[in-house]
Amino acid sequence: MGDSNIVASPYDKYGGSPFNHKNAKWYYDFLEQMYLMKIQSQGGTYTWSNRRSNDDVICEKLDRVLTSLEWNFLFPRATAIVEAAITSDHAPILLLTNGIEKRAKKDIKFESKWLLDEECSKIVKGEWEDRRDRQCRGTFRVKLRRTKVYLSKWNKDKYGRNRRTASEVASKIKELQQDPISNGNSGRIAEL
């Protein structure tokens, strides 16, 4: 899994020097001799870019996941997801050995920045000192669940917009990287 440094098909390249048929033949001969197969990928068309815009842009699919037949029998639903290339010229690849499954509802994750915010400690202290559930069975779970709900709402109100904005930008970059490269969207990717 990673950078094969070979453009295997004319469709895996945009811009730059012409497609090299000799290198592609060598690559496919190598795969055949080693009994390797490609895991199909979803997401972006290209996995590397010179990160330029307009006429100077070069995009290529260089990164792949290769498996043996035995490995493929163990993980027949494996899928490679090409994520958005944001901080590198290579797009990260996520390998899901059980394929794409629906994700369960996210649990709350404690953010270290909350420790610096007095409101957070007030919320936690307020919920744990609350005596209204004294007679309830499972008081610990009730307080924990209620603290989680209040912290989640507080985080969303106070910090949620920043995370959502970053997520929206990453989604837009990924969407643009899936489209065929044009002068317009290569500049937009650089801008985002």
N, C-alpha and C. Protein backbone atom coordinates (compact mmCIF):
# COMPACT_ATOMS: atom_id res chain seq x y z
N MET A 1 0.86 -1.16 0.00
CA MET A 1 0.00 0.00 0.00
C MET A 1 0.90 1.22 0.00
N GLY A 2 0.70 2.10 -0.97
CA GLY A 2 1.49 3.32 -1.00
C GLY A 2 1.82 3.77 -2.41
N ASP A 3 2.89 4.52 -2.51
CA ASP A 3 3.30 5.17 -3.75
C ASP A 3 4.02 4.17 -4.65
N SER A 4 3.38 3.77 -5.76
CA SER A 4 4.01 2.85 -6.71
C SER A 4 4.90 3.61 -7.69
N ASN A 5 4.71 4.93 -7.77
CA ASN A 5 5.49 5.82 -8.63
C ASN A 5 5.38 5.45 -10.11
N ILE A 6 4.30 4.79 -10.48
CA ILE A 6 4.04 4.41 -11.88
C ILE A 6 2.63 4.86 -12.24
N VAL A 7 2.50 5.48 -13.40
CA VAL A 7 1.18 5.78 -13.94
C VAL A 7 0.81 4.58 -14.81
N ALA A 8 -0.23 3.84 -14.40
CA ALA A 8 -0.55 2.57 -15.03
C ALA A 8 -1.47 2.68 -16.23
N SER A 9 -2.09 3.82 -16.42
CA SER A 9 -3.06 3.99 -17.50
C SER A 9 -3.09 5.46 -17.92
N PRO A 10 -3.40 5.73 -19.19
CA PRO A 10 -3.51 7.13 -19.61
C PRO A 10 -4.59 7.89 -18.83
N TYR A 11 -5.58 7.15 -18.30
CA TYR A 11 -6.66 7.78 -17.53
C TYR A 11 -6.21 8.15 -16.13
N ASP A 12 -5.03 7.67 -15.72
CA ASP A 12 -4.50 7.94 -14.39
C ASP A 12 -3.57 9.15 -14.39
N LYS A 13 -3.64 9.98 -15.44
CA LYS A 13 -2.71 11.09 -15.57
C LYS A 13 -3.40 12.30 -16.19
N TYR A 14 -3.03 13.48 -15.68
CA TYR A 14 -3.50 14.74 -16.26
C TYR A 14 -2.33 15.71 -16.26
N GLY A 15 -2.01 16.26 -17.42
CA GLY A 15 -0.95 17.25 -17.54
C GLY A 15 0.44 16.63 -17.55
N GLY A 16 1.44 17.47 -17.76
CA GLY A 16 2.82 17.02 -17.74
C GLY A 16 3.21 16.25 -18.98
N SER A 17 4.26 15.44 -18.86
CA SER A 17 4.77 14.68 -20.00
C SER A 17 3.77 13.60 -20.43
N PRO A 18 3.89 13.11 -21.67
CA PRO A 18 2.94 12.11 -22.17
C PRO A 18 3.01 10.81 -21.38
N PHE A 19 1.93 10.05 -21.42
CA PHE A 19 1.84 8.75 -20.76
C PHE A 19 2.92 7.81 -21.30
N ASN A 20 3.59 7.08 -20.41
CA ASN A 20 4.67 6.19 -20.78
C ASN A 20 4.17 4.74 -20.82
N HIS A 21 3.92 4.22 -22.03
CA HIS A 21 3.40 2.86 -22.21
C HIS A 21 4.39 1.81 -21.74
N LYS A 22 5.68 2.07 -21.92
CA LYS A 22 6.71 1.11 -21.54
C LYS A 22 6.71 0.88 -20.02
N ASN A 23 6.61 1.96 -19.23
CA ASN A 23 6.55 1.84 -17.77
C ASN A 23 5.29 1.09 -17.33
N ALA A 24 4.17 1.38 -17.99
CA ALA A 24 2.92 0.72 -17.64
C ALA A 24 3.01 -0.78 -17.92
N LYS A 25 3.61 -1.16 -19.04
CA LYS A 25 3.75 -2.58 -19.36
C LYS A 25 4.63 -3.26 -18.32
N TRP A 26 5.74 -2.60 -17.96
CA TRP A 26 6.61 -3.15 -16.92
C TRP A 26 5.84 -3.35 -15.63
N TYR A 27 5.00 -2.39 -15.24
CA TYR A 27 4.21 -2.45 -14.01
C TYR A 27 3.26 -3.64 -14.03
N TYR A 28 2.51 -3.81 -15.12
CA TYR A 28 1.56 -4.91 -15.21
C TYR A 28 2.26 -6.27 -15.28
N ASP A 29 3.42 -6.33 -15.92
CA ASP A 29 4.21 -7.57 -15.93
C ASP A 29 4.66 -7.92 -14.51
N PHE A 30 5.08 -6.90 -13.76
CA PHE A 30 5.50 -7.10 -12.37
C PHE A 30 4.34 -7.65 -11.53
N LEU A 31 3.15 -7.05 -11.67
CA LEU A 31 1.98 -7.52 -10.92
C LEU A 31 1.68 -8.98 -11.24
N GLU A 32 1.77 -9.32 -12.51
CA GLU A 32 1.49 -10.69 -12.94
C GLU A 32 2.53 -11.67 -12.38
N GLN A 33 3.79 -11.31 -12.45
CA GLN A 33 4.86 -12.19 -11.95
C GLN A 33 4.78 -12.39 -10.44
N MET A 34 4.34 -11.36 -9.71
CA MET A 34 4.26 -11.44 -8.25
C MET A 34 2.89 -11.91 -7.76
N TYR A 35 1.99 -12.18 -8.70
CA TYR A 35 0.62 -12.61 -8.37
C TYR A 35 -0.07 -11.59 -7.46
N LEU A 36 0.04 -10.34 -7.83
CA LEU A 36 -0.58 -9.26 -7.07
C LEU A 36 -1.80 -8.72 -7.81
N MET A 37 -2.74 -8.25 -7.05
CA MET A 37 -3.92 -7.63 -7.63
C MET A 37 -4.20 -6.31 -6.93
N LYS A 38 -4.83 -5.39 -7.65
CA LYS A 38 -5.16 -4.07 -7.10
C LYS A 38 -6.49 -4.14 -6.36
N ILE A 39 -6.55 -3.48 -5.22
CA ILE A 39 -7.82 -3.26 -4.53
C ILE A 39 -8.43 -2.03 -5.18
N GLN A 40 -9.67 -2.13 -5.57
CA GLN A 40 -10.34 -0.98 -6.17
C GLN A 40 -10.46 0.14 -5.15
N SER A 41 -10.34 1.37 -5.63
CA SER A 41 -10.41 2.51 -4.73
C SER A 41 -11.62 3.37 -5.05
N GLN A 42 -12.07 4.09 -4.05
CA GLN A 42 -13.15 5.05 -4.20
C GLN A 42 -12.63 6.40 -3.73
N GLY A 43 -13.24 7.44 -4.22
CA GLY A 43 -12.82 8.78 -3.82
C GLY A 43 -12.15 9.49 -4.97
N GLY A 44 -11.08 10.19 -4.67
CA GLY A 44 -10.39 10.99 -5.67
C GLY A 44 -9.84 10.18 -6.83
N THR A 45 -9.83 10.76 -8.01
CA THR A 45 -9.30 10.11 -9.21
C THR A 45 -7.79 10.01 -9.15
N TYR A 46 -7.14 11.06 -8.66
CA TYR A 46 -5.68 11.12 -8.62
C TYR A 46 -5.21 11.09 -7.17
N THR A 47 -4.01 10.53 -6.95
CA THR A 47 -3.48 10.46 -5.59
C THR A 47 -2.26 11.36 -5.38
N TRP A 48 -1.78 11.98 -6.44
CA TRP A 48 -0.64 12.89 -6.33
C TRP A 48 -0.89 14.09 -7.23
N SER A 49 -0.41 15.25 -6.78
CA SER A 49 -0.50 16.47 -7.58
C SER A 49 0.72 17.33 -7.28
N ASN A 50 1.17 18.08 -8.31
CA ASN A 50 2.28 19.00 -8.07
C ASN A 50 1.81 20.27 -7.35
N ARG A 51 0.52 20.32 -7.03
CA ARG A 51 -0.10 21.40 -6.24
C ARG A 51 0.02 22.77 -6.91
N ARG A 52 0.07 22.76 -8.22
CA ARG A 52 0.05 24.02 -8.97
C ARG A 52 -1.35 24.20 -9.53
N SER A 53 -1.58 25.30 -10.19
CA SER A 53 -2.91 25.53 -10.73
C SER A 53 -2.83 25.87 -12.21
N ASN A 54 -3.98 25.87 -12.82
CA ASN A 54 -4.16 26.22 -14.22
C ASN A 54 -3.34 25.31 -15.16
N ASP A 55 -2.60 25.88 -16.10
CA ASP A 55 -1.90 25.08 -17.11
C ASP A 55 -0.71 24.31 -16.56
N ASP A 56 -0.23 24.66 -15.38
CA ASP A 56 0.95 24.00 -14.80
C ASP A 56 0.61 22.78 -13.96
N VAL A 57 -0.68 22.51 -13.78
CA VAL A 57 -1.07 21.42 -12.88
C VAL A 57 -0.76 20.06 -13.51
N ILE A 58 -0.23 19.15 -12.68
CA ILE A 58 -0.02 17.76 -13.06
C ILE A 58 -0.64 16.92 -11.96
N CYS A 59 -1.50 15.98 -12.34
CA CYS A 59 -2.14 15.08 -11.39
C CYS A 59 -1.96 13.66 -11.89
N GLU A 60 -1.63 12.74 -10.98
CA GLU A 60 -1.41 11.35 -11.37
C GLU A 60 -1.92 10.42 -10.27
N LYS A 61 -2.34 9.24 -10.68
CA LYS A 61 -2.70 8.20 -9.72
C LYS A 61 -1.46 7.34 -9.53
N LEU A 62 -0.73 7.58 -8.44
CA LEU A 62 0.52 6.86 -8.15
C LEU A 62 0.36 5.89 -6.98
N ASP A 63 -0.54 6.20 -6.06
CA ASP A 63 -0.69 5.41 -4.84
C ASP A 63 -1.78 4.35 -5.02
N ARG A 64 -1.45 3.13 -4.61
CA ARG A 64 -2.38 2.02 -4.78
C ARG A 64 -2.26 1.05 -3.61
N VAL A 65 -3.27 0.17 -3.52
CA VAL A 65 -3.22 -0.93 -2.56
C VAL A 65 -3.16 -2.21 -3.38
N LEU A 66 -2.09 -2.99 -3.19
CA LEU A 66 -1.90 -4.26 -3.89
C LEU A 66 -1.99 -5.39 -2.88
N THR A 67 -2.60 -6.50 -3.30
CA THR A 67 -2.74 -7.63 -2.38
C THR A 67 -2.40 -8.93 -3.09
N SER A 68 -2.13 -9.94 -2.28
CA SER A 68 -1.96 -11.29 -2.81
C SER A 68 -3.34 -11.93 -2.89
N LEU A 69 -3.42 -13.01 -3.60
CA LEU A 69 -4.69 -13.74 -3.72
C LEU A 69 -5.13 -14.24 -2.34
N GLU A 70 -4.17 -14.73 -1.55
CA GLU A 70 -4.49 -15.23 -0.21
C GLU A 70 -5.09 -14.13 0.67
N TRP A 71 -4.45 -12.94 0.63
CA TRP A 71 -4.95 -11.82 1.42
C TRP A 71 -6.36 -11.44 0.96
N ASN A 72 -6.57 -11.46 -0.34
CA ASN A 72 -7.88 -11.11 -0.89
C ASN A 72 -8.96 -12.09 -0.44
N PHE A 73 -8.60 -13.37 -0.27
CA PHE A 73 -9.57 -14.35 0.24
C PHE A 73 -9.92 -14.05 1.70
N LEU A 74 -8.94 -13.56 2.47
CA LEU A 74 -9.20 -13.23 3.87
C LEU A 74 -10.07 -11.97 4.02
N PHE A 75 -9.89 -11.02 3.09
CA PHE A 75 -10.61 -9.75 3.16
C PHE A 75 -11.28 -9.44 1.82
N PRO A 76 -12.29 -10.21 1.45
CA PRO A 76 -12.90 -10.03 0.12
C PRO A 76 -13.64 -8.71 -0.06
N ARG A 77 -14.04 -8.07 1.03
CA ARG A 77 -14.79 -6.81 0.93
C ARG A 77 -13.90 -5.58 1.07
N ALA A 78 -12.60 -5.78 1.10
CA ALA A 78 -11.67 -4.66 1.32
C ALA A 78 -11.87 -3.57 0.27
N THR A 79 -11.80 -2.33 0.74
CA THR A 79 -11.97 -1.17 -0.13
C THR A 79 -10.95 -0.12 0.27
N ALA A 80 -10.37 0.53 -0.71
CA ALA A 80 -9.43 1.62 -0.47
C ALA A 80 -10.16 2.94 -0.72
N ILE A 81 -10.06 3.85 0.22
CA ILE A 81 -10.71 5.15 0.09
C ILE A 81 -9.63 6.21 -0.08
N VAL A 82 -9.68 6.94 -1.20
CA VAL A 82 -8.74 8.03 -1.43
C VAL A 82 -9.33 9.28 -0.79
N GLU A 83 -8.65 9.76 0.24
CA GLU A 83 -9.11 10.94 0.97
C GLU A 83 -8.60 12.21 0.30
N ALA A 84 -9.02 13.34 0.80
CA ALA A 84 -8.60 14.63 0.25
C ALA A 84 -7.14 14.92 0.60
N ALA A 85 -6.37 15.34 -0.40
CA ALA A 85 -4.98 15.74 -0.17
C ALA A 85 -4.98 17.19 0.29
N ILE A 86 -4.72 17.40 1.56
CA ILE A 86 -4.80 18.76 2.10
C ILE A 86 -3.42 19.30 2.47
N THR A 87 -2.63 18.54 3.21
CA THR A 87 -1.34 19.04 3.67
C THR A 87 -0.16 18.41 2.95
N SER A 88 -0.41 17.52 2.02
CA SER A 88 0.66 16.83 1.30
C SER A 88 0.34 16.83 -0.18
N ASP A 89 1.34 16.52 -1.01
CA ASP A 89 1.06 16.39 -2.43
C ASP A 89 0.48 15.01 -2.76
N HIS A 90 0.52 14.09 -1.80
CA HIS A 90 -0.11 12.77 -1.97
C HIS A 90 -1.40 12.72 -1.15
N ALA A 91 -2.42 12.09 -1.71
CA ALA A 91 -3.68 11.90 -1.00
C ALA A 91 -3.53 10.70 -0.07
N PRO A 92 -3.98 10.81 1.16
CA PRO A 92 -3.94 9.65 2.05
C PRO A 92 -4.93 8.59 1.58
N ILE A 93 -4.57 7.33 1.78
CA ILE A 93 -5.45 6.23 1.41
C ILE A 93 -5.83 5.49 2.68
N LEU A 94 -7.12 5.30 2.86
CA LEU A 94 -7.64 4.58 4.01
C LEU A 94 -8.06 3.20 3.52
N LEU A 95 -7.54 2.14 4.12
CA LEU A 95 -7.89 0.79 3.74
C LEU A 95 -8.90 0.24 4.73
N LEU A 96 -10.09 -0.07 4.23
CA LEU A 96 -11.14 -0.66 5.06
C LEU A 96 -11.22 -2.15 4.72
N THR A 97 -10.77 -2.99 5.63
CA THR A 97 -10.71 -4.42 5.33
C THR A 97 -12.09 -5.07 5.27
N ASN A 98 -13.09 -4.47 5.90
CA ASN A 98 -14.44 -5.02 5.86
C ASN A 98 -15.36 -4.21 4.96
N GLY A 99 -14.80 -3.43 4.08
CA GLY A 99 -15.61 -2.61 3.18
C GLY A 99 -16.19 -1.42 3.91
N ILE A 100 -17.07 -0.73 3.22
CA ILE A 100 -17.69 0.46 3.78
C ILE A 100 -18.95 0.05 4.53
N GLU A 101 -18.98 0.40 5.81
CA GLU A 101 -20.14 0.10 6.64
C GLU A 101 -20.70 1.41 7.17
N LYS A 102 -21.99 1.37 7.48
CA LYS A 102 -22.58 2.55 8.09
C LYS A 102 -21.98 2.73 9.47
N ARG A 103 -21.65 3.95 9.78
CA ARG A 103 -21.05 4.24 11.08
C ARG A 103 -22.13 4.45 12.12
N ALA A 104 -21.82 3.97 13.30
CA ALA A 104 -22.71 4.21 14.43
C ALA A 104 -22.63 5.67 14.83
N LYS A 105 -23.60 6.11 15.58
CA LYS A 105 -23.60 7.49 16.05
C LYS A 105 -22.33 7.75 16.84
N LYS A 106 -21.70 8.87 16.57
CA LYS A 106 -20.45 9.21 17.24
C LYS A 106 -20.68 9.45 18.73
N ASP A 107 -19.74 8.96 19.51
CA ASP A 107 -19.75 9.24 20.93
C ASP A 107 -19.00 10.56 21.14
N ILE A 108 -19.23 11.19 22.26
CA ILE A 108 -18.56 12.45 22.54
C ILE A 108 -17.08 12.18 22.79
N LYS A 109 -16.24 13.06 22.31
CA LYS A 109 -14.80 12.96 22.52
C LYS A 109 -14.37 14.17 23.33
N PHE A 110 -13.66 13.90 24.41
CA PHE A 110 -13.18 14.97 25.27
C PHE A 110 -12.09 15.74 24.55
N GLU A 111 -12.20 17.05 24.52
CA GLU A 111 -11.22 17.91 23.88
C GLU A 111 -10.35 18.55 24.96
N SER A 112 -9.05 18.49 24.80
CA SER A 112 -8.15 19.04 25.81
C SER A 112 -8.33 20.55 25.99
N LYS A 113 -8.78 21.24 24.94
CA LYS A 113 -9.00 22.69 25.06
C LYS A 113 -10.11 23.01 26.06
N TRP A 114 -10.98 22.03 26.35
CA TRP A 114 -12.04 22.26 27.32
C TRP A 114 -11.47 22.54 28.71
N LEU A 115 -10.30 21.96 29.02
CA LEU A 115 -9.70 22.15 30.34
C LEU A 115 -9.37 23.61 30.60
N LEU A 116 -9.16 24.37 29.55
CA LEU A 116 -8.83 25.79 29.68
C LEU A 116 -10.07 26.67 29.78
N ASP A 117 -11.22 26.08 29.63
CA ASP A 117 -12.46 26.85 29.61
C ASP A 117 -13.22 26.63 30.92
N GLU A 118 -13.47 27.69 31.66
CA GLU A 118 -14.16 27.60 32.96
C GLU A 118 -15.58 27.07 32.82
N GLU A 119 -16.22 27.36 31.70
CA GLU A 119 -17.59 26.89 31.49
C GLU A 119 -17.67 25.37 31.55
N CYS A 120 -16.66 24.70 31.02
CA CYS A 120 -16.64 23.24 31.01
C CYS A 120 -16.65 22.70 32.44
N SER A 121 -15.76 23.21 33.28
CA SER A 121 -15.70 22.71 34.65
C SER A 121 -17.00 23.02 35.41
N LYS A 122 -17.63 24.14 35.09
CA LYS A 122 -18.91 24.46 35.73
C LYS A 122 -20.00 23.46 35.32
N ILE A 123 -20.02 23.08 34.05
CA ILE A 123 -21.00 22.10 33.58
C ILE A 123 -20.80 20.76 34.28
N VAL A 124 -19.56 20.28 34.30
CA VAL A 124 -19.26 18.99 34.92
C VAL A 124 -19.57 19.02 36.41
N LYS A 125 -19.10 20.06 37.09
CA LYS A 125 -19.32 20.18 38.53
C LYS A 125 -20.82 20.27 38.83
N GLY A 126 -21.52 21.06 38.06
CA GLY A 126 -22.96 21.21 38.27
C GLY A 126 -23.71 19.89 38.14
N GLU A 127 -23.38 19.10 37.16
CA GLU A 127 -24.07 17.82 36.97
C GLU A 127 -23.71 16.81 38.05
N TRP A 128 -22.46 16.78 38.47
CA TRP A 128 -22.05 15.78 39.46
C TRP A 128 -22.46 16.15 40.87
N GLU A 129 -22.69 17.45 41.13
CA GLU A 129 -23.15 17.85 42.46
C GLU A 129 -24.66 17.89 42.54
N ASP A 130 -25.34 17.74 41.44
CA ASP A 130 -26.80 17.75 41.41
C ASP A 130 -27.32 16.55 42.21
N ARG A 131 -28.19 16.78 43.16
CA ARG A 131 -28.68 15.73 44.06
C ARG A 131 -30.06 15.19 43.65
N ARG A 132 -30.63 15.65 42.57
CA ARG A 132 -32.01 15.26 42.24
C ARG A 132 -32.16 13.77 41.93
N ASP A 133 -31.06 13.09 41.55
CA ASP A 133 -31.16 11.67 41.20
C ASP A 133 -30.70 10.77 42.34
N ARG A 134 -30.66 11.29 43.54
CA ARG A 134 -30.12 10.55 44.68
C ARG A 134 -30.82 9.21 44.88
N GLN A 135 -32.12 9.14 44.63
CA GLN A 135 -32.88 7.93 44.87
C GLN A 135 -32.91 6.99 43.66
N CYS A 136 -32.41 7.45 42.51
CA CYS A 136 -32.48 6.63 41.28
C CYS A 136 -31.44 5.55 41.30
N ARG A 137 -31.82 4.38 40.77
CA ARG A 137 -30.83 3.34 40.54
C ARG A 137 -29.99 3.76 39.35
N GLY A 138 -28.72 3.46 39.37
CA GLY A 138 -27.86 3.82 38.25
C GLY A 138 -27.56 5.31 38.21
N THR A 139 -27.47 5.95 39.36
CA THR A 139 -27.22 7.38 39.42
C THR A 139 -25.95 7.76 38.66
N PHE A 140 -24.92 6.97 38.80
CA PHE A 140 -23.66 7.24 38.11
C PHE A 140 -23.90 7.33 36.60
N ARG A 141 -24.61 6.33 36.06
CA ARG A 141 -24.88 6.33 34.61
C ARG A 141 -25.75 7.51 34.21
N VAL A 142 -26.74 7.83 35.02
CA VAL A 142 -27.63 8.96 34.72
C VAL A 142 -26.82 10.26 34.67
N LYS A 143 -25.98 10.47 35.67
CA LYS A 143 -25.16 11.70 35.71
C LYS A 143 -24.17 11.73 34.55
N LEU A 144 -23.57 10.60 34.26
CA LEU A 144 -22.63 10.52 33.15
C LEU A 144 -23.32 10.85 31.83
N ARG A 145 -24.50 10.25 31.62
CA ARG A 145 -25.23 10.50 30.37
C ARG A 145 -25.64 11.96 30.26
N ARG A 146 -26.14 12.53 31.38
CA ARG A 146 -26.58 13.92 31.33
C ARG A 146 -25.39 14.87 31.13
N THR A 147 -24.25 14.58 31.77
CA THR A 147 -23.05 15.39 31.58
C THR A 147 -22.63 15.34 30.13
N LYS A 148 -22.67 14.16 29.54
CA LYS A 148 -22.32 13.99 28.13
C LYS A 148 -23.23 14.84 27.24
N VAL A 149 -24.50 14.81 27.49
CA VAL A 149 -25.46 15.59 26.69
C VAL A 149 -25.17 17.08 26.80
N TYR A 150 -24.97 17.57 28.03
CA TYR A 150 -24.71 18.99 28.22
C TYR A 150 -23.38 19.43 27.61
N LEU A 151 -22.33 18.59 27.80
CA LEU A 151 -21.03 18.94 27.21
C LEU A 151 -21.10 18.94 25.69
N SER A 152 -21.81 17.98 25.14
CA SER A 152 -21.95 17.89 23.69
C SER A 152 -22.65 19.14 23.14
N LYS A 153 -23.73 19.55 23.78
CA LYS A 153 -24.46 20.74 23.34
C LYS A 153 -23.59 21.98 23.50
N TRP A 154 -22.93 22.10 24.66
CA TRP A 154 -22.06 23.24 24.91
C TRP A 154 -20.93 23.32 23.88
N ASN A 155 -20.28 22.20 23.59
CA ASN A 155 -19.20 22.17 22.60
C ASN A 155 -19.71 22.58 21.23
N LYS A 156 -20.88 22.08 20.86
CA LYS A 156 -21.44 22.41 19.55
C LYS A 156 -21.74 23.91 19.46
N ASP A 157 -22.32 24.46 20.53
CA ASP A 157 -22.64 25.89 20.53
C ASP A 157 -21.38 26.76 20.52
N LYS A 158 -20.37 26.35 21.28
CA LYS A 158 -19.19 27.18 21.44
C LYS A 158 -18.12 26.95 20.38
N TYR A 159 -17.85 25.69 20.05
CA TYR A 159 -16.74 25.36 19.15
C TYR A 159 -17.17 24.68 17.86
N GLY A 160 -18.40 24.25 17.79
CA GLY A 160 -18.85 23.42 16.67
C GLY A 160 -18.68 24.04 15.30
N ARG A 161 -18.85 25.32 15.18
CA ARG A 161 -18.77 25.96 13.86
C ARG A 161 -17.38 25.82 13.25
N ASN A 162 -16.31 25.94 14.06
CA ASN A 162 -14.95 25.80 13.53
C ASN A 162 -14.72 24.41 12.97
N ARG A 163 -15.13 23.39 13.70
CA ARG A 163 -14.94 22.03 13.24
C ARG A 163 -15.77 21.77 11.99
N ARG A 164 -17.01 22.28 11.99
CA ARG A 164 -17.87 22.08 10.83
C ARG A 164 -17.28 22.78 9.61
N THR A 165 -16.74 23.99 9.79
CA THR A 165 -16.15 24.72 8.68
C THR A 165 -14.96 23.95 8.10
N ALA A 166 -14.08 23.45 8.96
CA ALA A 166 -12.92 22.67 8.49
C ALA A 166 -13.40 21.41 7.76
N SER A 167 -14.42 20.78 8.29
CA SER A 167 -14.97 19.57 7.67
C SER A 167 -15.58 19.90 6.31
N GLU A 168 -16.26 21.03 6.22
CA GLU A 168 -16.86 21.45 4.95
C GLU A 168 -15.79 21.73 3.91
N VAL A 169 -14.69 22.37 4.31
CA VAL A 169 -13.59 22.67 3.38
C VAL A 169 -12.96 21.36 2.89
N ALA A 170 -12.70 20.43 3.82
CA ALA A 170 -12.12 19.13 3.44
C ALA A 170 -13.04 18.38 2.49
N SER A 171 -14.34 18.42 2.74
CA SER A 171 -15.31 17.76 1.84
C SER A 171 -15.31 18.39 0.46
N LYS A 172 -15.22 19.71 0.41
CA LYS A 172 -15.21 20.42 -0.88
C LYS A 172 -13.93 20.08 -1.65
N ILE A 173 -12.78 20.02 -0.95
CA ILE A 173 -11.52 19.64 -1.61
C ILE A 173 -11.65 18.23 -2.18
N LYS A 174 -12.17 17.31 -1.38
CA LYS A 174 -12.34 15.92 -1.83
C LYS A 174 -13.25 15.86 -3.05
N GLU A 175 -14.33 16.62 -3.02
CA GLU A 175 -15.27 16.66 -4.15
C GLU A 175 -14.59 17.18 -5.41
N LEU A 176 -13.83 18.27 -5.29
CA LEU A 176 -13.13 18.83 -6.44
C LEU A 176 -12.05 17.88 -6.96
N GLN A 177 -11.40 17.12 -6.07
CA GLN A 177 -10.36 16.18 -6.49
C GLN A 177 -10.95 14.98 -7.22
N GLN A 178 -12.24 14.74 -7.05
CA GLN A 178 -12.89 13.63 -7.76
C GLN A 178 -13.28 14.02 -9.19
N ASP A 179 -13.44 15.31 -9.43
CA ASP A 179 -13.81 15.80 -10.76
C ASP A 179 -12.59 15.82 -11.67
N PRO A 180 -12.83 15.72 -12.98
CA PRO A 180 -11.70 15.88 -13.90
C PRO A 180 -11.06 17.26 -13.70
N ILE A 181 -9.76 17.31 -13.79
CA ILE A 181 -9.03 18.55 -13.55
C ILE A 181 -9.32 19.55 -14.67
N SER A 182 -9.55 20.78 -14.26
CA SER A 182 -9.70 21.87 -15.22
C SER A 182 -8.99 23.08 -14.61
N ASN A 183 -8.80 24.09 -15.42
CA ASN A 183 -8.17 25.30 -14.93
C ASN A 183 -8.93 25.89 -13.74
N GLY A 184 -10.24 25.78 -13.78
CA GLY A 184 -11.06 26.36 -12.71
C GLY A 184 -10.93 25.62 -11.40
N ASN A 185 -11.04 24.28 -11.44
CA ASN A 185 -11.05 23.59 -10.15
C ASN A 185 -9.66 23.36 -9.58
N SER A 186 -8.60 23.38 -10.36
CA SER A 186 -7.24 23.26 -9.79
C SER A 186 -6.92 24.53 -9.00
N GLY A 187 -7.35 25.68 -9.50
CA GLY A 187 -7.16 26.93 -8.77
C GLY A 187 -8.01 26.96 -7.50
N ARG A 188 -9.22 26.42 -7.59
CA ARG A 188 -10.12 26.39 -6.42
C ARG A 188 -9.57 25.48 -5.32
N ILE A 189 -8.98 24.34 -5.72
CA ILE A 189 -8.36 23.43 -4.76
C ILE A 189 -7.23 24.13 -4.03
N ALA A 190 -6.38 24.83 -4.78
CA ALA A 190 -5.26 25.56 -4.18
C ALA A 190 -5.78 26.63 -3.21
N GLU A 191 -6.86 27.31 -3.60
CA GLU A 191 -7.44 28.35 -2.75
C GLU A 191 -7.99 27.76 -1.45
N LEU A 192 -8.69 26.63 -1.56
CA LEU A 192 -9.25 26.01 -0.35
C LEU A 192 -8.16 25.52 0.56
